[in-house]
């Protein structure tokens, strides 16, 4: 039976990570493995993963988000691969519905859910109440809610192993993070794949917790820096895809 490898980069996010993993375990009915790549946390995250028997890569210091993703991808054994932020929480039917959309056509390369907090088309328009309420409304299988897009945000990206085999890993020039997801989506489309937003798969997202620890000015500077890196690499403004 096919399996999904769920790769979760983590940096001093024990409380969030604990909730994220608990939600996956509670709401996932298809085969999966969780791989936590810990970026030198000092908050007990490593010990928690050991206690919970979670597959883990423990780094001595913060290597950044793209490198953490790549380390996880390199040891993943799943037929399909997911990059998932530690500040998310799954809801019922989430992975089933994402997989249905991913395998709805051979040329679908990456899919992503809708959520309460994201830039672009994946953010729901109505006010968030509870995860249960949102899941009751959104997470009923419905292909009419699927929407083709040019960009998916990196909070939750599910893709086929064949796509990774064709286009490679995350580009670590975007370390410590931001725009590596835009870059991956752009490379997938250049390789002939389509991207889908699965409107029948809602997950909860706290939002930019790790990066906000460094302060808003630092985040703003990083966004500007990595935006320039994307422009230098491709000669295209990624903001046109939002």
C-alpha atoms as a PDB file:
ATOM      1  CA  UNK A   1       0.000   0.000   0.000  1.00  0.00           C
ATOM      2  CA  UNK A   2       1.300   3.468  -0.866  1.00  0.00           C
ATOM      3  CA  UNK A   3       2.540   5.753   1.896  1.00  0.00           C
ATOM      4  CA  UNK A   4       2.970   9.477   2.433  1.00  0.00           C
ATOM      5  CA  UNK A   5       6.137  10.839   4.047  1.00  0.00           C
ATOM      6  CA  UNK A   6       5.284  13.952   6.083  1.00  0.00           C
ATOM      7  CA  UNK A   7       8.402  16.052   6.679  1.00  0.00           C
ATOM      8  CA  UNK A   8       8.182  18.664   9.438  1.00  0.00           C
ATOM      9  CA  UNK A   9      11.076  21.103   9.964  1.00  0.00           C
ATOM     10  CA  UNK A  10      11.197  22.309  13.568  1.00  0.00           C
ATOM     11  CA  UNK A  11      13.086  25.001  15.448  1.00  0.00           C
ATOM     12  CA  UNK A  12      12.264  25.488  19.142  1.00  0.00           C
ATOM     13  CA  UNK A  13       8.616  24.782  18.424  1.00  0.00           C
ATOM     14  CA  UNK A  14       7.848  22.017  20.915  1.00  0.00           C
ATOM     15  CA  UNK A  15       4.319  23.147  21.816  1.00  0.00           C
ATOM     16  CA  UNK A  16       3.360  23.629  18.179  1.00  0.00           C
ATOM     17  CA  UNK A  17       5.069  20.422  17.082  1.00  0.00           C
ATOM     18  CA  UNK A  18       3.289  18.396  19.736  1.00  0.00           C
ATOM     19  CA  UNK A  19      -0.113  19.706  18.593  1.00  0.00           C
ATOM     20  CA  UNK A  20       0.772  19.199  14.940  1.00  0.00           C
ATOM     21  CA  UNK A  21       1.798  15.564  15.391  1.00  0.00           C
ATOM     22  CA  UNK A  22      -1.191  14.830  17.631  1.00  0.00           C
ATOM     23  CA  UNK A  23      -3.539  16.223  14.975  1.00  0.00           C
ATOM     24  CA  UNK A  24      -1.914  14.112  12.235  1.00  0.00           C
ATOM     25  CA  UNK A  25      -2.270  10.986  14.336  1.00  0.00           C
ATOM     26  CA  UNK A  26      -5.885  11.776  15.155  1.00  0.00           C
ATOM     27  CA  UNK A  27      -7.048  12.643  11.646  1.00  0.00           C
ATOM     28  CA  UNK A  28      -5.026  10.540   9.193  1.00  0.00           C
ATOM     29  CA  UNK A  29      -6.514   7.265   8.018  1.00  0.00           C
ATOM     30  CA  UNK A  30      -4.088   6.435   5.186  1.00  0.00           C
ATOM     31  CA  UNK A  31      -0.535   5.066   5.633  1.00  0.00           C
ATOM     32  CA  UNK A  32       2.045   7.704   6.535  1.00  0.00           C
ATOM     33  CA  UNK A  33       5.349   8.327   8.245  1.00  0.00           C
ATOM     34  CA  UNK A  34       6.332  11.495  10.109  1.00  0.00           C
ATOM     35  CA  UNK A  35       9.885  12.791   9.801  1.00  0.00           C
ATOM     36  CA  UNK A  36      10.861  15.698  12.057  1.00  0.00           C
ATOM     37  CA  UNK A  37      14.018  17.569  11.075  1.00  0.00           C
ATOM     38  CA  UNK A  38      15.061  19.515  14.150  1.00  0.00           C
ATOM     39  CA  UNK A  39      17.177  22.622  13.608  1.00  0.00           C
ATOM     40  CA  UNK A  40      19.135  22.638  16.867  1.00  0.00           C
ATOM     41  CA  UNK A  41      16.193  23.183  19.230  1.00  0.00           C
ATOM     42  CA  UNK A  42      16.883  23.725  22.938  1.00  0.00           C
ATOM     43  CA  UNK A  43      13.297  23.384  24.138  1.00  0.00           C
ATOM     44  CA  UNK A  44      12.943  19.623  24.512  1.00  0.00           C
ATOM     45  CA  UNK A  45      11.750  18.973  20.938  1.00  0.00           C
ATOM     46  CA  UNK A  46      14.358  16.265  20.359  1.00  0.00           C
ATOM     47  CA  UNK A  47      13.501  14.491  23.596  1.00  0.00           C
ATOM     48  CA  UNK A  48       9.795  14.655  22.739  1.00  0.00           C
ATOM     49  CA  UNK A  49      10.387  13.047  19.330  1.00  0.00           C
ATOM     50  CA  UNK A  50      12.478  10.312  20.950  1.00  0.00           C
ATOM     51  CA  UNK A  51       9.745   9.574  23.511  1.00  0.00           C
ATOM     52  CA  UNK A  52       7.090   9.494  20.798  1.00  0.00           C
ATOM     53  CA  UNK A  53       9.237   7.287  18.545  1.00  0.00           C
ATOM     54  CA  UNK A  54       9.038   9.827  15.735  1.00  0.00           C
ATOM     55  CA  UNK A  55      11.559   9.404  12.930  1.00  0.00           C
ATOM     56  CA  UNK A  56      13.927  12.336  13.318  1.00  0.00           C
ATOM     57  CA  UNK A  57      17.017  14.132  12.086  1.00  0.00           C
ATOM     58  CA  UNK A  58      18.602  16.193  14.873  1.00  0.00           C
ATOM     59  CA  UNK A  59      20.914  19.000  13.736  1.00  0.00           C
ATOM     60  CA  UNK A  60      23.427  20.731  16.028  1.00  0.00           C
ATOM     61  CA  UNK A  61      22.298  24.214  14.948  1.00  0.00           C
ATOM     62  CA  UNK A  62      19.724  25.929  12.718  1.00  0.00           C
ATOM     63  CA  UNK A  63      20.412  24.975   9.084  1.00  0.00           C
ATOM     64  CA  UNK A  64      17.305  26.814   7.878  1.00  0.00           C
ATOM     65  CA  UNK A  65      14.040  25.648   6.349  1.00  0.00           C
ATOM     66  CA  UNK A  66      15.132  24.550   2.829  1.00  0.00           C
ATOM     67  CA  UNK A  67      18.035  22.437   4.119  1.00  0.00           C
ATOM     68  CA  UNK A  68      15.802  20.841   6.755  1.00  0.00           C
ATOM     69  CA  UNK A  69      13.263  19.949   4.076  1.00  0.00           C
ATOM     70  CA  UNK A  70      15.981  18.418   1.918  1.00  0.00           C
ATOM     71  CA  UNK A  71      17.370  16.306   4.742  1.00  0.00           C
ATOM     72  CA  UNK A  72      13.896  14.946   5.392  1.00  0.00           C
ATOM     73  CA  UNK A  73      13.228  14.298   1.707  1.00  0.00           C
ATOM     74  CA  UNK A  74      16.500  12.388   1.427  1.00  0.00           C
ATOM     75  CA  UNK A  75      15.470   9.825   4.059  1.00  0.00           C
ATOM     76  CA  UNK A  76      11.758   9.663   3.179  1.00  0.00           C
ATOM     77  CA  UNK A  77      10.493   6.309   1.951  1.00  0.00           C
ATOM     78  CA  UNK A  78       6.991   7.378   0.919  1.00  0.00           C
ATOM     79  CA  UNK A  79       5.515   7.202  -2.556  1.00  0.00           C
ATOM     80  CA  UNK A  80       4.306  10.777  -2.098  1.00  0.00           C
ATOM     81  CA  UNK A  81       6.022  13.512  -0.114  1.00  0.00           C
ATOM     82  CA  UNK A  82       4.708  16.325   2.027  1.00  0.00           C
ATOM     83  CA  UNK A  83       6.482  19.365   3.430  1.00  0.00           C
ATOM     84  CA  UNK A  84       4.505  20.579   6.450  1.00  0.00           C
ATOM     85  CA  UNK A  85       5.070  23.504   8.803  1.00  0.00           C
ATOM     86  CA  UNK A  86       5.176  22.672  12.507  1.00  0.00           C
ATOM     87  CA  UNK A  87       2.643  25.439  13.229  1.00  0.00           C
ATOM     88  CA  UNK A  88      -0.176  23.660  11.417  1.00  0.00           C
ATOM     89  CA  UNK A  89      -2.885  21.283  12.600  1.00  0.00           C
ATOM     90  CA  UNK A  90      -4.588  18.639  10.494  1.00  0.00           C
ATOM     91  CA  UNK A  91      -8.332  18.035  10.342  1.00  0.00           C
ATOM     92  CA  UNK A  92     -10.502  15.108   9.279  1.00  0.00           C
ATOM     93  CA  UNK A  93     -10.124  13.872   5.684  1.00  0.00           C
ATOM     94  CA  UNK A  94      -7.241  16.258   5.098  1.00  0.00           C
ATOM     95  CA  UNK A  95      -4.725  13.824   3.593  1.00  0.00           C
ATOM     96  CA  UNK A  96      -7.299  11.622   1.864  1.00  0.00           C
ATOM     97  CA  UNK A  97      -8.647  14.623  -0.017  1.00  0.00           C
ATOM     98  CA  UNK A  98      -5.199  16.010  -0.836  1.00  0.00           C
ATOM     99  CA  UNK A  99      -4.184  12.631  -2.275  1.00  0.00           C
ATOM    100  CA  UNK A 100      -7.357  12.433  -4.353  1.00  0.00           C
ATOM    101  CA  UNK A 101      -6.539  15.763  -5.940  1.00  0.00           C
ATOM    102  CA  UNK A 102      -2.844  14.891  -6.435  1.00  0.00           C
ATOM    103  CA  UNK A 103      -3.670  11.702  -8.344  1.00  0.00           C
ATOM    104  CA  UNK A 104      -6.645  13.099 -10.258  1.00  0.00           C
ATOM    105  CA  UNK A 105      -4.400  13.560 -13.304  1.00  0.00           C
ATOM    106  CA  UNK A 106      -0.929  12.454 -14.359  1.00  0.00           C
ATOM    107  CA  UNK A 107       0.189  16.037 -14.893  1.00  0.00           C
ATOM    108  CA  UNK A 108      -0.708  17.228 -11.378  1.00  0.00           C
ATOM    109  CA  UNK A 109       2.623  17.677  -9.590  1.00  0.00           C
ATOM    110  CA  UNK A 110       1.885  19.504  -6.327  1.00  0.00           C
ATOM    111  CA  UNK A 111      -1.272  20.144  -4.319  1.00  0.00           C
ATOM    112  CA  UNK A 112      -1.965  22.219  -1.233  1.00  0.00           C
ATOM    113  CA  UNK A 113      -4.878  22.778   1.164  1.00  0.00           C
ATOM    114  CA  UNK A 114      -6.904  25.823   2.072  1.00  0.00           C
ATOM    115  CA  UNK A 115      -6.235  27.413   5.429  1.00  0.00           C
ATOM    116  CA  UNK A 116      -7.081  30.292   7.734  1.00  0.00           C
ATOM    117  CA  UNK A 117      -3.689  32.032   7.360  1.00  0.00           C
ATOM    118  CA  UNK A 118      -1.722  32.225   4.118  1.00  0.00           C
ATOM    119  CA  UNK A 119      -0.716  34.630   1.400  1.00  0.00           C
ATOM    120  CA  UNK A 120      -2.622  34.239  -1.836  1.00  0.00           C
ATOM    121  CA  UNK A 121      -5.540  32.111  -2.950  1.00  0.00           C
ATOM    122  CA  UNK A 122      -5.298  29.404  -0.292  1.00  0.00           C
ATOM    123  CA  UNK A 123      -6.597  31.591   2.526  1.00  0.00           C
ATOM    124  CA  UNK A 124     -10.296  31.134   3.174  1.00  0.00           C
ATOM    125  CA  UNK A 125     -12.365  34.289   2.990  1.00  0.00           C
ATOM    126  CA  UNK A 126     -14.680  33.683   5.922  1.00  0.00           C
ATOM    127  CA  UNK A 127     -13.667  34.315   9.552  1.00  0.00           C
ATOM    128  CA  UNK A 128     -12.054  31.354  11.277  1.00  0.00           C
ATOM    129  CA  UNK A 129     -14.009  29.917  14.193  1.00  0.00           C
ATOM    130  CA  UNK A 130     -12.724  26.465  15.149  1.00  0.00           C
ATOM    131  CA  UNK A 131     -10.830  23.723  13.345  1.00  0.00           C
ATOM    132  CA  UNK A 132     -13.837  21.431  13.819  1.00  0.00           C
ATOM    133  CA  UNK A 133     -16.208  23.965  12.249  1.00  0.00           C
ATOM    134  CA  UNK A 134     -13.932  24.626   9.297  1.00  0.00           C
ATOM    135  CA  UNK A 135     -13.363  20.911   8.699  1.00  0.00           C
ATOM    136  CA  UNK A 136     -17.108  20.241   8.845  1.00  0.00           C
ATOM    137  CA  UNK A 137     -17.645  22.844   6.136  1.00  0.00           C
ATOM    138  CA  UNK A 138     -14.631  22.241   3.885  1.00  0.00           C
ATOM    139  CA  UNK A 139     -13.316  18.693   4.294  1.00  0.00           C
ATOM    140  CA  UNK A 140     -15.984  16.760   2.458  1.00  0.00           C
ATOM    141  CA  UNK A 141     -14.689  15.198  -0.777  1.00  0.00           C
ATOM    142  CA  UNK A 142     -15.631  17.549  -3.626  1.00  0.00           C
ATOM    143  CA  UNK A 143     -13.561  17.884  -6.787  1.00  0.00           C
ATOM    144  CA  UNK A 144     -15.587  20.980  -7.717  1.00  0.00           C
ATOM    145  CA  UNK A 145     -13.593  22.772  -5.021  1.00  0.00           C
ATOM    146  CA  UNK A 146     -10.252  22.078  -6.702  1.00  0.00           C
ATOM    147  CA  UNK A 147      -8.624  25.082  -8.304  1.00  0.00           C
ATOM    148  CA  UNK A 148      -5.612  25.210 -10.588  1.00  0.00           C
ATOM    149  CA  UNK A 149      -3.012  27.744  -9.483  1.00  0.00           C
ATOM    150  CA  UNK A 150       0.475  28.970 -10.366  1.00  0.00           C
ATOM    151  CA  UNK A 151       1.720  28.996  -6.776  1.00  0.00           C
ATOM    152  CA  UNK A 152       1.254  27.088  -3.533  1.00  0.00           C
ATOM    153  CA  UNK A 153       2.483  28.284  -0.154  1.00  0.00           C
ATOM    154  CA  UNK A 154       5.005  26.084   1.612  1.00  0.00           C
ATOM    155  CA  UNK A 155       3.019  25.549   4.808  1.00  0.00           C
ATOM    156  CA  UNK A 156       1.753  22.273   3.322  1.00  0.00           C
ATOM    157  CA  UNK A 157       2.865  20.989  -0.071  1.00  0.00           C
ATOM    158  CA  UNK A 158       2.104  17.433  -1.196  1.00  0.00           C
ATOM    159  CA  UNK A 159       3.852  16.158  -4.302  1.00  0.00           C
ATOM    160  CA  UNK A 160       4.663  13.003  -6.210  1.00  0.00           C
ATOM    161  CA  UNK A 161       8.045  11.361  -5.799  1.00  0.00           C
ATOM    162  CA  UNK A 162       8.409  11.400  -9.571  1.00  0.00           C
ATOM    163  CA  UNK A 163       8.287  15.199  -9.457  1.00  0.00           C
ATOM    164  CA  UNK A 164      11.165  15.338  -6.975  1.00  0.00           C
ATOM    165  CA  UNK A 165      13.098  12.843  -9.068  1.00  0.00           C
ATOM    166  CA  UNK A 166      12.643  15.136 -12.055  1.00  0.00           C
ATOM    167  CA  UNK A 167      13.209  18.625 -10.589  1.00  0.00           C
ATOM    168  CA  UNK A 168      15.296  17.865  -7.502  1.00  0.00           C
ATOM    169  CA  UNK A 169      15.254  19.173  -3.951  1.00  0.00           C
ATOM    170  CA  UNK A 170      14.598  22.612  -2.455  1.00  0.00           C
ATOM    171  CA  UNK A 171      17.045  25.326  -3.525  1.00  0.00           C
ATOM    172  CA  UNK A 172      19.136  26.132  -0.446  1.00  0.00           C
ATOM    173  CA  UNK A 173      20.156  29.542  -1.785  1.00  0.00           C
ATOM    174  CA  UNK A 174      16.902  30.702  -0.140  1.00  0.00           C
ATOM    175  CA  UNK A 175      18.168  29.744   3.345  1.00  0.00           C
ATOM    176  CA  UNK A 176      16.969  30.349   6.034  1.00  0.00           C
ATOM    177  CA  UNK A 177      13.644  30.530   4.220  1.00  0.00           C
ATOM    178  CA  UNK A 178      11.043  32.394   2.089  1.00  0.00           C
ATOM    179  CA  UNK A 179      10.539  31.975  -1.658  1.00  0.00           C
ATOM    180  CA  UNK A 180      11.923  28.424  -1.706  1.00  0.00           C
ATOM    181  CA  UNK A 181       8.285  27.322  -2.097  1.00  0.00           C
ATOM    182  CA  UNK A 182       7.702  29.784  -4.956  1.00  0.00           C
ATOM    183  CA  UNK A 183      10.875  28.475  -6.581  1.00  0.00           C
ATOM    184  CA  UNK A 184       9.783  24.836  -6.245  1.00  0.00           C
ATOM    185  CA  UNK A 185       6.366  25.563  -7.731  1.00  0.00           C
ATOM    186  CA  UNK A 186       7.910  27.481 -10.620  1.00  0.00           C
ATOM    187  CA  UNK A 187      10.313  24.621 -11.366  1.00  0.00           C
ATOM    188  CA  UNK A 188       7.434  22.141 -11.272  1.00  0.00           C
ATOM    189  CA  UNK A 189       5.465  24.175 -13.803  1.00  0.00           C
ATOM    190  CA  UNK A 190       8.517  24.542 -16.049  1.00  0.00           C
ATOM    191  CA  UNK A 191       8.760  20.734 -16.012  1.00  0.00           C
ATOM    192  CA  UNK A 192       5.189  20.484 -17.307  1.00  0.00           C
ATOM    193  CA  UNK A 193       3.293  19.848 -14.073  1.00  0.00           C
ATOM    194  CA  UNK A 194       0.121  21.576 -12.916  1.00  0.00           C
ATOM    195  CA  UNK A 195      -0.583  22.739  -9.354  1.00  0.00           C
ATOM    196  CA  UNK A 196      -3.898  22.430  -7.533  1.00  0.00           C
ATOM    197  CA  UNK A 197      -5.452  24.013  -4.467  1.00  0.00           C
ATOM    198  CA  UNK A 198      -7.622  21.334  -2.874  1.00  0.00           C
ATOM    199  CA  UNK A 199     -10.534  23.376  -1.593  1.00  0.00           C
ATOM    200  CA  UNK A 200     -11.904  20.291   0.136  1.00  0.00           C
ATOM    201  CA  UNK A 201      -8.862  20.017   2.431  1.00  0.00           C
ATOM    202  CA  UNK A 202      -8.654  22.568   5.266  1.00  0.00           C
ATOM    203  CA  UNK A 203      -5.792  22.699   7.769  1.00  0.00           C
ATOM    204  CA  UNK A 204      -5.196  25.206  10.554  1.00  0.00           C
ATOM    205  CA  UNK A 205      -2.132  27.469  10.409  1.00  0.00           C
ATOM    206  CA  UNK A 206      -0.854  29.634  13.280  1.00  0.00           C
ATOM    207  CA  UNK A 207       1.312  31.656  10.898  1.00  0.00           C
ATOM    208  CA  UNK A 208       5.023  32.580  10.588  1.00  0.00           C
ATOM    209  CA  UNK A 209       5.849  31.654  14.167  1.00  0.00           C
ATOM    210  CA  UNK A 210       9.488  30.644  13.668  1.00  0.00           C
ATOM    211  CA  UNK A 211      10.430  33.641  11.565  1.00  0.00           C
ATOM    212  CA  UNK A 212       8.567  36.072  13.822  1.00  0.00           C
ATOM    213  CA  UNK A 213      10.918  35.123  16.652  1.00  0.00           C
ATOM    214  CA  UNK A 214      13.573  37.159  14.847  1.00  0.00           C
ATOM    215  CA  UNK A 215      11.472  40.326  14.746  1.00  0.00           C
ATOM    216  CA  UNK A 216       9.448  41.968  12.014  1.00  0.00           C
ATOM    217  CA  UNK A 217      12.317  44.050  10.607  1.00  0.00           C
ATOM    218  CA  UNK A 218      14.524  40.993  10.179  1.00  0.00           C
ATOM    219  CA  UNK A 219      11.687  39.137   8.435  1.00  0.00           C
ATOM    220  CA  UNK A 220      11.063  42.095   6.132  1.00  0.00           C
ATOM    221  CA  UNK A 221      14.744  42.217   5.216  1.00  0.00           C
ATOM    222  CA  UNK A 222      14.836  38.480   4.545  1.00  0.00           C
ATOM    223  CA  UNK A 223      11.781  38.698   2.302  1.00  0.00           C
ATOM    224  CA  UNK A 224      13.387  41.466   0.258  1.00  0.00           C
ATOM    225  CA  UNK A 225      16.680  39.588   0.009  1.00  0.00           C
ATOM    226  CA  UNK A 226      15.125  36.324  -1.140  1.00  0.00           C
ATOM    227  CA  UNK A 227      12.779  38.118  -3.518  1.00  0.00           C
ATOM    228  CA  UNK A 228      15.890  39.490  -5.230  1.00  0.00           C
ATOM    229  CA  UNK A 229      17.410  36.002  -5.324  1.00  0.00           C
ATOM    230  CA  UNK A 230      14.316  34.665  -7.084  1.00  0.00           C
ATOM    231  CA  UNK A 231      14.418  37.546  -9.569  1.00  0.00           C
ATOM    232  CA  UNK A 232      18.127  36.994 -10.212  1.00  0.00           C
ATOM    233  CA  UNK A 233      17.575  33.276 -10.787  1.00  0.00           C
ATOM    234  CA  UNK A 234      14.526  33.431 -13.035  1.00  0.00           C
ATOM    235  CA  UNK A 235      14.127  37.004 -14.294  1.00  0.00           C
ATOM    236  CA  UNK A 236      10.489  36.821 -13.169  1.00  0.00           C
ATOM    237  CA  UNK A 237       8.754  38.603 -10.296  1.00  0.00           C
ATOM    238  CA  UNK A 238       7.178  35.854  -8.114  1.00  0.00           C
ATOM    239  CA  UNK A 239       4.564  38.313  -6.885  1.00  0.00           C
ATOM    240  CA  UNK A 240       2.710  37.991 -10.209  1.00  0.00           C
ATOM    241  CA  UNK A 241       1.762  34.431  -9.216  1.00  0.00           C
ATOM    242  CA  UNK A 242       0.095  35.346  -5.904  1.00  0.00           C
END
